[in-house]
Amino acid sequence: MELMEKVRARLRRYNRQMGLAARYITYSLHQTRPWTYPHRMYLESTNACNLRCIMCPTGRGEAKRKKGFMDWRLFTQIVDEMAPHVEATTLHIWGEPLLHPQLPDMIAYCRKRGLRAEISTNGVLLDEEMSRAILSAGPSAIYIGLDGFTKETYEQVRRQADFERTVANIRRFLELKVAGGYKEPFVNLQIIEMAPTKQEIEDFRRQWQVPGVDRVHIKAFDSWGNQIGEIAQLRADAPAVPAKRYPCPNLWYHVHIYWDGTLVSCDRDFDALNQLGNVSEGVMKAWNGPLMAELRRKHIAGELDDVPACRNCVEWSWWKPSWFRAQGNAPLRQDE
């Protein structure tokens, strides 16, 4: 059995590397209808949120899209189609996923189908009952956004949250993970690097070097396509952007699906102003449909003036894929 598991693991690694190479070919050749599956899938369990964070279009009330929760039938339909092909899924785009009453079941279903599931949470609802449910469900990774070393900074950024309560939730979650001997989830304790938090980052890093935390993640600031001036002004430093724009890899490597099945280019289209189809008749049918193909063409040609989420975006420069590497959704700091 041990030998067979090693063989399976080696085959999975081989298939992953071959898949990355194939995706890189379709991206490099500027194919508007890739013949590969996306590398990663983002599913919006809900776009409802319990906080009013200053760096977020939802928190600031700028996102006008109808609030809702992905229903179980749509969720399982998507996972059943894509689980054999994508590297992982994040059960979050906008909103707070812990608000979804079926989130632990969603995580467990992904695990049952052999799909790595990740979540990102503000931690406010991560009480002991929820912590136990999440740990039992078995996500591969969790990102917990604290965004402040001090109470003052945290509550300035994460409005309507209570610093002491959130910290207590996080510490108890970590205790339960360690005591239970859980190898997963990989815990990313996260702070966004922006003007209000910049001076606290090193203190934050030192504070959270504790058992149960696998990485203190210093997350790059996201301007959400520079569509909201008040958010863009929170950036701590000017972004380093290449002089020549290249097509955004998101369109070849990732698929983003909102709670109602709407396909969008990425989360920067927070109001789904440029809808690219609906996955109710199949994810790949929409992902390789005419609307998605046309958006890829516009990126290749640099014709983005009529695409609000892309027009002034700088986040396309966060990553550029290579033959056997598809770096995640943000630049990695040298000290991570």
C-alpha atoms as a PDB file:
ATOM      1  CA  MET A   1       0.000   0.000   0.000  1.00  0.00           C
ATOM      2  CA  GLU A   2       2.822   2.385   0.888  1.00  0.00           C
ATOM      3  CA  LEU A   3       4.527   1.717  -2.439  1.00  0.00           C
ATOM      4  CA  MET A   4       1.287   2.308  -4.372  1.00  0.00           C
ATOM      5  CA  GLU A   5       0.700   5.598  -2.556  1.00  0.00           C
ATOM      6  CA  LYS A   6       4.206   6.737  -3.472  1.00  0.00           C
ATOM      7  CA  VAL A   7       3.531   5.822  -7.095  1.00  0.00           C
ATOM      8  CA  ARG A   8       0.230   7.727  -7.067  1.00  0.00           C
ATOM      9  CA  ALA A   9       1.901  10.766  -5.498  1.00  0.00           C
ATOM     10  CA  ARG A  10       4.620  10.711  -8.148  1.00  0.00           C
ATOM     11  CA  LEU A  11       2.023  10.439 -10.914  1.00  0.00           C
ATOM     12  CA  ARG A  12       0.098  13.378  -9.458  1.00  0.00           C
ATOM     13  CA  ARG A  13       3.262  15.494  -9.421  1.00  0.00           C
ATOM     14  CA  TYR A  14       4.046  14.466 -12.988  1.00  0.00           C
ATOM     15  CA  ASN A  15       0.538  15.314 -14.190  1.00  0.00           C
ATOM     16  CA  ARG A  16       0.693  18.655 -12.386  1.00  0.00           C
ATOM     17  CA  GLN A  17       4.002  19.557 -14.056  1.00  0.00           C
ATOM     18  CA  MET A  18       2.726  18.511 -17.481  1.00  0.00           C
ATOM     19  CA  GLY A  19      -0.448  20.530 -16.898  1.00  0.00           C
ATOM     20  CA  LEU A  20       1.577  23.623 -16.025  1.00  0.00           C
ATOM     21  CA  ALA A  21       3.670  23.224 -19.164  1.00  0.00           C
ATOM     22  CA  ALA A  22       0.566  22.835 -21.329  1.00  0.00           C
ATOM     23  CA  ARG A  23      -1.046  25.933 -19.811  1.00  0.00           C
ATOM     24  CA  TYR A  24       2.137  27.908 -20.379  1.00  0.00           C
ATOM     25  CA  ILE A  25       2.074  26.940 -24.062  1.00  0.00           C
ATOM     26  CA  THR A  26      -1.533  28.090 -24.496  1.00  0.00           C
ATOM     27  CA  TYR A  27      -0.736  31.351 -22.691  1.00  0.00           C
ATOM     28  CA  SER A  28       2.482  32.008 -24.620  1.00  0.00           C
ATOM     29  CA  LEU A  29       0.824  31.257 -27.947  1.00  0.00           C
ATOM     30  CA  HIS A  30      -1.993  33.680 -27.062  1.00  0.00           C
ATOM     31  CA  GLN A  31      -4.691  31.120 -27.662  1.00  0.00           C
ATOM     32  CA  THR A  32      -8.039  32.720 -26.894  1.00  0.00           C
ATOM     33  CA  ARG A  33      -9.640  29.313 -26.326  1.00  0.00           C
ATOM     34  CA  PRO A  34      -7.134  27.273 -24.283  1.00  0.00           C
ATOM     35  CA  TRP A  35      -7.163  23.521 -24.750  1.00  0.00           C
ATOM     36  CA  THR A  36      -6.197  23.040 -21.094  1.00  0.00           C
ATOM     37  CA  TYR A  37      -8.196  23.287 -17.885  1.00  0.00           C
ATOM     38  CA  PRO A  38      -7.568  26.212 -15.522  1.00  0.00           C
ATOM     39  CA  HIS A  39      -4.916  25.700 -12.868  1.00  0.00           C
ATOM     40  CA  ARG A  40      -6.999  27.003  -9.974  1.00  0.00           C
ATOM     41  CA  MET A  41     -10.687  27.666  -9.303  1.00  0.00           C
ATOM     42  CA  TYR A  42     -12.238  30.389  -7.154  1.00  0.00           C
ATOM     43  CA  LEU A  43     -15.792  29.812  -5.939  1.00  0.00           C
ATOM     44  CA  GLU A  44     -17.701  32.525  -4.135  1.00  0.00           C
ATOM     45  CA  SER A  45     -19.573  30.752  -1.351  1.00  0.00           C
ATOM     46  CA  THR A  46     -21.196  34.099  -0.505  1.00  0.00           C
ATOM     47  CA  ASN A  47     -20.625  37.807  -1.110  1.00  0.00           C
ATOM     48  CA  ALA A  48     -22.291  38.798   2.173  1.00  0.00           C
ATOM     49  CA  CYS A  49     -19.923  40.111   4.843  1.00  0.00           C
ATOM     50  CA  ASN A  50     -20.048  40.948   8.543  1.00  0.00           C
ATOM     51  CA  LEU A  51     -17.394  43.696   8.464  1.00  0.00           C
ATOM     52  CA  ARG A  52     -16.850  47.085   6.817  1.00  0.00           C
ATOM     53  CA  CYS A  53     -13.146  46.989   6.003  1.00  0.00           C
ATOM     54  CA  ILE A  54     -11.634  50.172   4.609  1.00  0.00           C
ATOM     55  CA  MET A  55      -9.670  48.461   1.797  1.00  0.00           C
ATOM     56  CA  CYS A  56     -12.630  46.490   0.456  1.00  0.00           C
ATOM     57  CA  PRO A  57     -15.300  47.526  -2.089  1.00  0.00           C
ATOM     58  CA  THR A  58     -17.855  45.432  -0.187  1.00  0.00           C
ATOM     59  CA  GLY A  59     -16.922  46.945   3.157  1.00  0.00           C
ATOM     60  CA  ARG A  60     -17.070  50.485   1.788  1.00  0.00           C
ATOM     61  CA  GLY A  61     -20.477  49.888   0.228  1.00  0.00           C
ATOM     62  CA  GLU A  62     -19.120  50.336  -3.303  1.00  0.00           C
ATOM     63  CA  ALA A  63     -20.043  46.825  -4.451  1.00  0.00           C
ATOM     64  CA  LYS A  64     -23.726  46.924  -5.480  1.00  0.00           C
ATOM     65  CA  ARG A  65     -24.099  43.331  -6.630  1.00  0.00           C
ATOM     66  CA  LYS A  66     -26.999  41.387  -5.096  1.00  0.00           C
ATOM     67  CA  LYS A  67     -26.014  39.448  -1.981  1.00  0.00           C
ATOM     68  CA  GLY A  68     -26.517  35.715  -1.943  1.00  0.00           C
ATOM     69  CA  PHE A  69     -25.205  32.250  -1.099  1.00  0.00           C
ATOM     70  CA  MET A  70     -24.131  29.555  -3.560  1.00  0.00           C
ATOM     71  CA  ASP A  71     -26.669  26.741  -3.420  1.00  0.00           C
ATOM     72  CA  TRP A  72     -25.597  23.156  -2.858  1.00  0.00           C
ATOM     73  CA  ARG A  73     -26.737  21.844  -6.224  1.00  0.00           C
ATOM     74  CA  LEU A  74     -24.715  24.406  -8.177  1.00  0.00           C
ATOM     75  CA  PHE A  75     -21.709  23.894  -5.907  1.00  0.00           C
ATOM     76  CA  THR A  76     -21.616  20.111  -6.315  1.00  0.00           C
ATOM     77  CA  GLN A  77     -22.191  20.417 -10.064  1.00  0.00           C
ATOM     78  CA  ILE A  78     -19.146  22.683 -10.376  1.00  0.00           C
ATOM     79  CA  VAL A  79     -16.937  20.555  -8.125  1.00  0.00           C
ATOM     80  CA  ASP A  80     -17.931  17.314  -9.848  1.00  0.00           C
ATOM     81  CA  GLU A  81     -16.928  18.754 -13.215  1.00  0.00           C
ATOM     82  CA  MET A  82     -13.688  20.430 -12.173  1.00  0.00           C
ATOM     83  CA  ALA A  83     -12.249  18.346  -9.301  1.00  0.00           C
ATOM     84  CA  PRO A  84     -10.307  15.970 -11.563  1.00  0.00           C
ATOM     85  CA  HIS A  85      -8.633  18.835 -13.393  1.00  0.00           C
ATOM     86  CA  VAL A  86      -7.806  21.835 -11.174  1.00  0.00           C
ATOM     87  CA  GLU A  87      -5.022  22.048  -8.613  1.00  0.00           C
ATOM     88  CA  ALA A  88      -7.180  23.535  -5.865  1.00  0.00           C
ATOM     89  CA  THR A  89     -10.197  25.702  -5.171  1.00  0.00           C
ATOM     90  CA  THR A  90     -10.652  28.688  -2.907  1.00  0.00           C
ATOM     91  CA  LEU A  91     -14.164  28.844  -1.455  1.00  0.00           C
ATOM     92  CA  HIS A  92     -14.059  32.612  -1.277  1.00  0.00           C
ATOM     93  CA  ILE A  93     -13.982  35.562  -3.624  1.00  0.00           C
ATOM     94  CA  TRP A  94     -15.965  38.314  -1.937  1.00  0.00           C
ATOM     95  CA  GLY A  95     -17.755  38.212   1.414  1.00  0.00           C
ATOM     96  CA  GLU A  96     -17.068  36.168   4.542  1.00  0.00           C
ATOM     97  CA  PRO A  97     -17.286  32.427   3.786  1.00  0.00           C
ATOM     98  CA  LEU A  98     -18.017  31.463   7.402  1.00  0.00           C
ATOM     99  CA  LEU A  99     -21.424  33.088   6.937  1.00  0.00           C
ATOM    100  CA  HIS A 100     -22.408  30.252   4.594  1.00  0.00           C
ATOM    101  CA  PRO A 101     -24.245  27.662   6.718  1.00  0.00           C
ATOM    102  CA  GLN A 102     -22.927  24.801   4.580  1.00  0.00           C
ATOM    103  CA  LEU A 103     -19.267  25.852   4.412  1.00  0.00           C
ATOM    104  CA  PRO A 104     -17.918  22.866   6.411  1.00  0.00           C
ATOM    105  CA  ASP A 105     -19.959  20.560   4.172  1.00  0.00           C
ATOM    106  CA  MET A 106     -18.535  22.295   1.097  1.00  0.00           C
ATOM    107  CA  ILE A 107     -14.985  21.747   2.333  1.00  0.00           C
ATOM    108  CA  ALA A 108     -15.714  18.108   3.149  1.00  0.00           C
ATOM    109  CA  TYR A 109     -17.281  17.546  -0.276  1.00  0.00           C
ATOM    110  CA  CYS A 110     -14.203  18.927  -2.015  1.00  0.00           C
ATOM    111  CA  ARG A 111     -12.028  16.633   0.059  1.00  0.00           C
ATOM    112  CA  LYS A 112     -14.243  13.658  -0.827  1.00  0.00           C
ATOM    113  CA  ARG A 113     -13.828  14.490  -4.519  1.00  0.00           C
ATOM    114  CA  GLY A 114     -10.040  14.739  -4.147  1.00  0.00           C
ATOM    115  CA  LEU A 115      -9.964  18.519  -4.499  1.00  0.00           C
ATOM    116  CA  ARG A 116      -7.871  20.689  -2.193  1.00  0.00           C
ATOM    117  CA  ALA A 117     -10.085  23.401  -0.689  1.00  0.00           C
ATOM    118  CA  GLU A 118      -8.850  26.654   0.825  1.00  0.00           C
ATOM    119  CA  ILE A 119     -10.709  29.382   2.672  1.00  0.00           C
ATOM    120  CA  SER A 120      -9.972  32.982   3.593  1.00  0.00           C
ATOM    121  CA  THR A 121     -11.671  34.458   6.639  1.00  0.00           C
ATOM    122  CA  ASN A 122     -11.576  37.535   8.837  1.00  0.00           C
ATOM    123  CA  GLY A 123     -11.753  35.231  11.875  1.00  0.00           C
ATOM    124  CA  VAL A 124     -14.577  37.058  13.626  1.00  0.00           C
ATOM    125  CA  LEU A 125     -16.919  34.046  13.369  1.00  0.00           C
ATOM    126  CA  LEU A 126     -14.182  31.498  14.012  1.00  0.00           C
ATOM    127  CA  ASP A 127     -15.400  30.568  17.484  1.00  0.00           C
ATOM    128  CA  GLU A 128     -14.734  27.169  19.040  1.00  0.00           C
ATOM    129  CA  GLU A 129     -17.726  25.451  17.454  1.00  0.00           C
ATOM    130  CA  MET A 130     -16.850  26.773  14.007  1.00  0.00           C
ATOM    131  CA  SER A 131     -13.155  25.978  14.514  1.00  0.00           C
ATOM    132  CA  ARG A 132     -13.926  22.355  15.303  1.00  0.00           C
ATOM    133  CA  ALA A 133     -16.237  22.095  12.284  1.00  0.00           C
ATOM    134  CA  ILE A 134     -13.627  23.578   9.939  1.00  0.00           C
ATOM    135  CA  LEU A 135     -10.819  21.380  11.244  1.00  0.00           C
ATOM    136  CA  SER A 136     -12.984  18.275  10.937  1.00  0.00           C
ATOM    137  CA  ALA A 137     -13.995  19.185   7.381  1.00  0.00           C
ATOM    138  CA  GLY A 138     -10.344  19.218   6.326  1.00  0.00           C
ATOM    139  CA  PRO A 139      -9.399  22.288   4.273  1.00  0.00           C
ATOM    140  CA  SER A 140      -5.897  22.214   2.844  1.00  0.00           C
ATOM    141  CA  ALA A 141      -5.234  25.837   3.788  1.00  0.00           C
ATOM    142  CA  ILE A 142      -6.781  28.740   5.634  1.00  0.00           C
ATOM    143  CA  TYR A 143      -5.917  32.435   5.405  1.00  0.00           C
ATOM    144  CA  ILE A 144      -6.870  34.428   8.489  1.00  0.00           C
ATOM    145  CA  GLY A 145      -6.782  38.196   7.958  1.00  0.00           C
ATOM    146  CA  LEU A 146      -5.930  40.073  11.124  1.00  0.00           C
ATOM    147  CA  ASP A 147      -4.486  43.269   9.592  1.00  0.00           C
ATOM    148  CA  GLY A 148      -3.068  44.907  12.668  1.00  0.00           C
ATOM    149  CA  PHE A 149      -0.597  44.368  15.497  1.00  0.00           C
ATOM    150  CA  THR A 150      -2.429  46.794  17.761  1.00  0.00           C
ATOM    151  CA  LYS A 151      -6.088  47.092  18.634  1.00  0.00           C
ATOM    152  CA  GLU A 152      -6.188  50.632  17.279  1.00  0.00           C
ATOM    153  CA  THR A 153      -4.861  49.739  13.834  1.00  0.00           C
ATOM    154  CA  TYR A 154      -6.878  46.556  13.519  1.00  0.00           C
ATOM    155  CA  GLU A 155     -10.185  48.212  14.387  1.00  0.00           C
ATOM    156  CA  GLN A 156      -9.389  51.160  12.108  1.00  0.00           C
ATOM    157  CA  VAL A 157      -8.942  48.733   9.202  1.00  0.00           C
ATOM    158  CA  ARG A 158     -11.409  45.959  10.075  1.00  0.00           C
ATOM    159  CA  ARG A 159     -14.377  48.089  11.042  1.00  0.00           C
ATOM    160  CA  GLN A 160     -17.113  46.469  13.150  1.00  0.00           C
ATOM    161  CA  ALA A 161     -14.616  43.874  14.423  1.00  0.00           C
ATOM    162  CA  ASP A 162     -13.374  43.458  17.983  1.00  0.00           C
ATOM    163  CA  PHE A 163      -9.616  42.939  18.282  1.00  0.00           C
ATOM    164  CA  GLU A 164      -9.617  40.937  21.502  1.00  0.00           C
ATOM    165  CA  ARG A 165     -12.395  38.633  20.301  1.00  0.00           C
ATOM    166  CA  THR A 166     -10.722  37.940  16.968  1.00  0.00           C
ATOM    167  CA  VAL A 167      -7.331  37.270  18.544  1.00  0.00           C
ATOM    168  CA  ALA A 168      -8.955  34.916  21.069  1.00  0.00           C
ATOM    169  CA  ASN A 169     -10.681  33.069  18.225  1.00  0.00           C
ATOM    170  CA  ILE A 170      -7.411  32.675  16.342  1.00  0.00           C
ATOM    171  CA  ARG A 171      -5.478  31.454  19.369  1.00  0.00           C
ATOM    172  CA  ARG A 172      -8.160  28.889  20.206  1.00  0.00           C
ATOM    173  CA  PHE A 173      -8.244  27.682  16.594  1.00  0.00           C
ATOM    174  CA  LEU A 174      -4.473  27.200  16.702  1.00  0.00           C
ATOM    175  CA  GLU A 175      -4.693  25.360  20.038  1.00  0.00           C
ATOM    176  CA  LEU A 176      -7.301  22.987  18.620  1.00  0.00           C
ATOM    177  CA  LYS A 177      -5.233  22.372  15.495  1.00  0.00           C
ATOM    178  CA  VAL A 178      -2.094  21.553  17.487  1.00  0.00           C
ATOM    179  CA  ALA A 179      -3.872  19.483  20.156  1.00  0.00           C
ATOM    180  CA  GLY A 180      -5.758  17.519  17.509  1.00  0.00           C
ATOM    181  CA  GLY A 181      -2.597  16.728  15.571  1.00  0.00           C
ATOM    182  CA  TYR A 182      -4.016  18.183  12.360  1.00  0.00           C
ATOM    183  CA  LYS A 183      -1.397  18.442   9.627  1.00  0.00           C
ATOM    184  CA  GLU A 184      -3.846  20.584   7.667  1.00  0.00           C
ATOM    185  CA  PRO A 185      -4.983  23.235   7.161  1.00  0.00           C
ATOM    186  CA  PHE A 186      -1.799  25.106   6.364  1.00  0.00           C
ATOM    187  CA  VAL A 187      -2.419  28.249   8.422  1.00  0.00           C
ATOM    188  CA  ASN A 188      -1.532  31.601   6.883  1.00  0.00           C
ATOM    189  CA  LEU A 189      -1.818  34.387   9.461  1.00  0.00           C
ATOM    190  CA  GLN A 190      -2.151  37.431   7.254  1.00  0.00           C
ATOM    191  CA  ILE A 191      -1.657  41.180   7.362  1.00  0.00           C
ATOM    192  CA  ILE A 192      -2.103  43.392   4.281  1.00  0.00           C
ATOM    193  CA  GLU A 193       0.766  45.786   3.648  1.00  0.00           C
ATOM    194  CA  MET A 194      -0.842  49.225   3.343  1.00  0.00           C
ATOM    195  CA  ALA A 195      -0.454  52.682   4.823  1.00  0.00           C
ATOM    196  CA  PRO A 196      -2.221  51.992   8.172  1.00  0.00           C
ATOM    197  CA  THR A 197      -0.371  48.698   8.805  1.00  0.00           C
ATOM    198  CA  LYS A 198       3.084  49.255   7.316  1.00  0.00           C
ATOM    199  CA  GLN A 199       4.783  50.305  10.571  1.00  0.00           C
ATOM    200  CA  GLU A 200       3.399  47.298  12.441  1.00  0.00           C
ATOM    201  CA  ILE A 201       4.390  44.521  10.069  1.00  0.00           C
ATOM    202  CA  GLU A 202       7.603  43.421  11.808  1.00  0.00           C
ATOM    203  CA  ASP A 203       5.906  43.403  15.228  1.00  0.00           C
ATOM    204  CA  PHE A 204       3.054  41.423  13.707  1.00  0.00           C
ATOM    205  CA  ARG A 205       5.478  38.925  12.211  1.00  0.00           C
ATOM    206  CA  ARG A 206       7.229  38.366  15.538  1.00  0.00           C
ATOM    207  CA  GLN A 207       3.971  38.115  17.490  1.00  0.00           C
ATOM    208  CA  TRP A 208       2.556  35.297  15.359  1.00  0.00           C
ATOM    209  CA  GLN A 209       5.569  33.003  15.224  1.00  0.00           C
ATOM    210  CA  VAL A 210       3.610  30.538  17.328  1.00  0.00           C
ATOM    211  CA  PRO A 211       2.705  26.826  17.147  1.00  0.00           C
ATOM    212  CA  GLY A 212      -0.030  26.189  14.606  1.00  0.00           C
ATOM    213  CA  VAL A 213       0.859  29.109  12.322  1.00  0.00           C
ATOM    214  CA  ASP A 214       2.609  27.753   9.239  1.00  0.00           C
ATOM    215  CA  ARG A 215       3.298  31.121   7.623  1.00  0.00           C
ATOM    216  CA  VAL A 216       2.969  34.751   8.577  1.00  0.00           C
ATOM    217  CA  HIS A 217       1.757  36.111   5.264  1.00  0.00           C
ATOM    218  CA  ILE A 218       2.517  39.734   4.405  1.00  0.00           C
ATOM    219  CA  LYS A 219      -0.080  40.207   1.685  1.00  0.00           C
ATOM    220  CA  ALA A 220       0.509  42.666  -1.129  1.00  0.00           C
ATOM    221  CA  PHE A 221      -1.959  45.529  -1.279  1.00  0.00           C
ATOM    222  CA  ASP A 222      -4.692  45.095  -3.881  1.00  0.00           C
ATOM    223  CA  SER A 223      -6.140  48.257  -5.438  1.00  0.00           C
ATOM    224  CA  TRP A 224      -8.958  46.252  -7.066  1.00  0.00           C
ATOM    225  CA  GLY A 225      -8.042  47.613 -10.466  1.00  0.00           C
ATOM    226  CA  ASN A 226      -7.685  51.206  -9.205  1.00  0.00           C
ATOM    227  CA  GLN A 227     -11.433  51.635  -9.603  1.00  0.00           C
ATOM    228  CA  ILE A 228     -12.023  53.312  -6.228  1.00  0.00           C
ATOM    229  CA  GLY A 229      -9.809  56.262  -5.365  1.00  0.00           C
ATOM    230  CA  GLU A 230     -10.235  56.014  -1.596  1.00  0.00           C
ATOM    231  CA  ILE A 231      -8.967  52.436  -1.666  1.00  0.00           C
ATOM    232  CA  ALA A 232      -6.081  53.114  -4.055  1.00  0.00           C
ATOM    233  CA  GLN A 233      -4.856  55.856  -1.684  1.00  0.00           C
ATOM    234  CA  LEU A 234      -4.285  53.261   1.054  1.00  0.00           C
ATOM    235  CA  ARG A 235      -1.324  51.811  -0.846  1.00  0.00           C
ATOM    236  CA  ALA A 236       1.859  52.149   1.195  1.00  0.00           C
ATOM    237  CA  ASP A 237       4.276  52.285  -1.750  1.00  0.00           C
ATOM    238  CA  ALA A 238       4.074  52.869  -5.485  1.00  0.00           C
ATOM    239  CA  PRO A 239       3.621  49.585  -7.357  1.00  0.00           C
ATOM    240  CA  ALA A 240       6.466  48.257  -9.509  1.00  0.00           C
ATOM    241  CA  VAL A 241       4.853  47.745 -12.894  1.00  0.00           C
ATOM    242  CA  PRO A 242       6.664  46.659 -16.093  1.00  0.00           C
ATOM    243  CA  ALA A 243       6.749  49.291 -18.827  1.00  0.00           C
ATOM    244  CA  LYS A 244       5.113  46.946 -21.311  1.00  0.00           C
ATOM    245  CA  ARG A 245       1.827  45.349 -20.375  1.00  0.00           C
ATOM    246  CA  TYR A 246       1.362  41.657 -21.099  1.00  0.00           C
ATOM    247  CA  PRO A 247      -1.923  39.702 -21.103  1.00  0.00           C
ATOM    248  CA  CYS A 248      -3.174  38.977 -17.598  1.00  0.00           C
ATOM    249  CA  PRO A 249      -2.422  35.322 -16.758  1.00  0.00           C
ATOM    250  CA  ASN A 250      -5.649  35.104 -14.741  1.00  0.00           C
ATOM    251  CA  LEU A 251      -7.573  34.583 -17.961  1.00  0.00           C
ATOM    252  CA  TRP A 252      -5.601  31.455 -18.835  1.00  0.00           C
ATOM    253  CA  TYR A 253      -4.818  30.053 -15.382  1.00  0.00           C
ATOM    254  CA  HIS A 254      -7.790  30.801 -13.131  1.00  0.00           C
ATOM    255  CA  VAL A 255     -11.558  30.569 -13.228  1.00  0.00           C
ATOM    256  CA  HIS A 256     -13.689  32.836 -11.013  1.00  0.00           C
ATOM    257  CA  ILE A 257     -17.310  31.937 -10.339  1.00  0.00           C
ATOM    258  CA  TYR A 258     -19.697  34.068  -8.275  1.00  0.00           C
ATOM    259  CA  TRP A 259     -22.340  32.641  -5.957  1.00  0.00           C
ATOM    260  CA  ASP A 260     -25.056  32.645  -8.650  1.00  0.00           C
ATOM    261  CA  GLY A 261     -22.881  30.931 -11.267  1.00  0.00           C
ATOM    262  CA  THR A 262     -21.750  34.112 -13.037  1.00  0.00           C
ATOM    263  CA  LEU A 263     -18.319  33.778 -14.616  1.00  0.00           C
ATOM    264  CA  VAL A 264     -16.053  36.839 -14.381  1.00  0.00           C
ATOM    265  CA  SER A 265     -12.470  37.585 -15.328  1.00  0.00           C
ATOM    266  CA  CYS A 266     -11.353  37.875 -11.709  1.00  0.00           C
ATOM    267  CA  ASP A 267     -12.389  39.374  -8.379  1.00  0.00           C
ATOM    268  CA  ARG A 268     -11.563  42.899  -9.521  1.00  0.00           C
ATOM    269  CA  ASP A 269     -14.825  42.816 -11.441  1.00  0.00           C
ATOM    270  CA  PHE A 270     -16.558  42.957  -8.068  1.00  0.00           C
ATOM    271  CA  ASP A 271     -19.902  44.098  -9.508  1.00  0.00           C
ATOM    272  CA  ALA A 272     -19.810  41.649 -12.434  1.00  0.00           C
ATOM    273  CA  LEU A 273     -20.043  44.508 -14.929  1.00  0.00           C
ATOM    274  CA  ASN A 274     -18.369  42.344 -17.559  1.00  0.00           C
ATOM    275  CA  GLN A 275     -20.170  39.021 -17.219  1.00  0.00           C
ATOM    276  CA  LEU A 276     -18.554  36.272 -19.253  1.00  0.00           C
ATOM    277  CA  GLY A 277     -21.307  33.684 -19.059  1.00  0.00           C
ATOM    278  CA  ASN A 278     -22.882  31.394 -16.479  1.00  0.00           C
ATOM    279  CA  VAL A 279     -21.593  27.985 -15.472  1.00  0.00           C
ATOM    280  CA  SER A 280     -25.035  26.430 -15.021  1.00  0.00           C
ATOM    281  CA  GLU A 281     -24.466  24.533 -18.275  1.00  0.00           C
ATOM    282  CA  GLY A 282     -20.845  23.707 -17.529  1.00  0.00           C
ATOM    283  CA  VAL A 283     -17.760  25.555 -16.299  1.00  0.00           C
ATOM    284  CA  MET A 284     -15.600  24.781 -19.305  1.00  0.00           C
ATOM    285  CA  LYS A 285     -18.346  25.698 -21.749  1.00  0.00           C
ATOM    286  CA  ALA A 286     -18.383  29.204 -20.254  1.00  0.00           C
ATOM    287  CA  TRP A 287     -14.610  29.444 -19.629  1.00  0.00           C
ATOM    288  CA  ASN A 288     -13.926  28.694 -23.284  1.00  0.00           C
ATOM    289  CA  GLY A 289     -17.001  30.506 -24.560  1.00  0.00           C
ATOM    290  CA  PRO A 290     -17.076  33.485 -26.945  1.00  0.00           C
ATOM    291  CA  LEU A 291     -17.176  36.175 -24.222  1.00  0.00           C
ATOM    292  CA  MET A 292     -14.118  34.836 -22.429  1.00  0.00           C
ATOM    293  CA  ALA A 293     -12.304  34.363 -25.728  1.00  0.00           C
ATOM    294  CA  GLU A 294     -13.028  37.979 -26.677  1.00  0.00           C
ATOM    295  CA  LEU A 295     -11.675  39.264 -23.358  1.00  0.00           C
ATOM    296  CA  ARG A 296      -8.484  37.264 -23.871  1.00  0.00           C
ATOM    297  CA  ARG A 297      -8.216  38.793 -27.352  1.00  0.00           C
ATOM    298  CA  LYS A 298      -8.584  42.290 -25.896  1.00  0.00           C
ATOM    299  CA  HIS A 299      -5.783  41.589 -23.423  1.00  0.00           C
ATOM    300  CA  ILE A 300      -3.534  40.317 -26.201  1.00  0.00           C
ATOM    301  CA  ALA A 301      -4.290  43.409 -28.328  1.00  0.00           C
ATOM    302  CA  GLY A 302      -4.173  45.850 -25.380  1.00  0.00           C
ATOM    303  CA  GLU A 303      -7.736  47.017 -26.085  1.00  0.00           C
ATOM    304  CA  LEU A 304      -9.003  47.433 -22.509  1.00  0.00           C
ATOM    305  CA  ASP A 305     -10.492  50.928 -22.398  1.00  0.00           C
ATOM    306  CA  ASP A 306     -14.014  49.497 -22.270  1.00  0.00           C
ATOM    307  CA  VAL A 307     -13.228  46.964 -19.515  1.00  0.00           C
ATOM    308  CA  PRO A 308     -13.420  48.857 -16.184  1.00  0.00           C
ATOM    309  CA  ALA A 309     -11.877  46.099 -14.046  1.00  0.00           C
ATOM    310  CA  CYS A 310      -8.869  45.804 -16.375  1.00  0.00           C
ATOM    311  CA  ARG A 311      -8.427  49.335 -17.729  1.00  0.00           C
ATOM    312  CA  ASN A 312      -6.316  50.797 -14.908  1.00  0.00           C
ATOM    313  CA  CYS A 313      -5.369  47.584 -13.157  1.00  0.00           C
ATOM    314  CA  VAL A 314      -1.750  47.044 -12.072  1.00  0.00           C
ATOM    315  CA  GLU A 315      -2.292  43.676 -10.412  1.00  0.00           C
ATOM    316  CA  TRP A 316      -1.765  41.883 -13.742  1.00  0.00           C
ATOM    317  CA  SER A 317       1.965  42.442 -13.091  1.00  0.00           C
ATOM    318  CA  TRP A 318       1.915  40.486  -9.835  1.00  0.00           C
ATOM    319  CA  TRP A 319       2.911  37.316 -11.574  1.00  0.00           C
ATOM    320  CA  LYS A 320       3.994  35.882 -14.868  1.00  0.00           C
ATOM    321  CA  PRO A 321       3.906  32.123 -15.398  1.00  0.00           C
ATOM    322  CA  SER A 322       6.724  29.956 -16.686  1.00  0.00           C
ATOM    323  CA  TRP A 323       6.992  26.391 -17.960  1.00  0.00           C
ATOM    324  CA  PHE A 324       6.630  24.629 -14.629  1.00  0.00           C
ATOM    325  CA  ARG A 325       5.490  27.381 -12.327  1.00  0.00           C
ATOM    326  CA  ALA A 326       2.224  29.209 -11.819  1.00  0.00           C
ATOM    327  CA  GLN A 327       2.878  31.648  -9.007  1.00  0.00           C
ATOM    328  CA  GLY A 328      -0.171  32.513  -6.955  1.00  0.00           C
ATOM    329  CA  ASN A 329      -2.206  35.674  -6.919  1.00  0.00           C
ATOM    330  CA  ALA A 330       0.338  38.000  -5.347  1.00  0.00           C
ATOM    331  CA  PRO A 331       4.062  38.762  -5.500  1.00  0.00           C
ATOM    332  CA  LEU A 332       6.114  36.892  -2.923  1.00  0.00           C
ATOM    333  CA  ARG A 333       8.317  38.949  -0.623  1.00  0.00           C
ATOM    334  CA  GLN A 334      11.951  37.903  -0.433  1.00  0.00           C
ATOM    335  CA  ASP A 335      11.621  37.213   3.314  1.00  0.00           C
ATOM    336  CA  GLU A 336       8.656  34.808   3.017  1.00  0.00           C
END
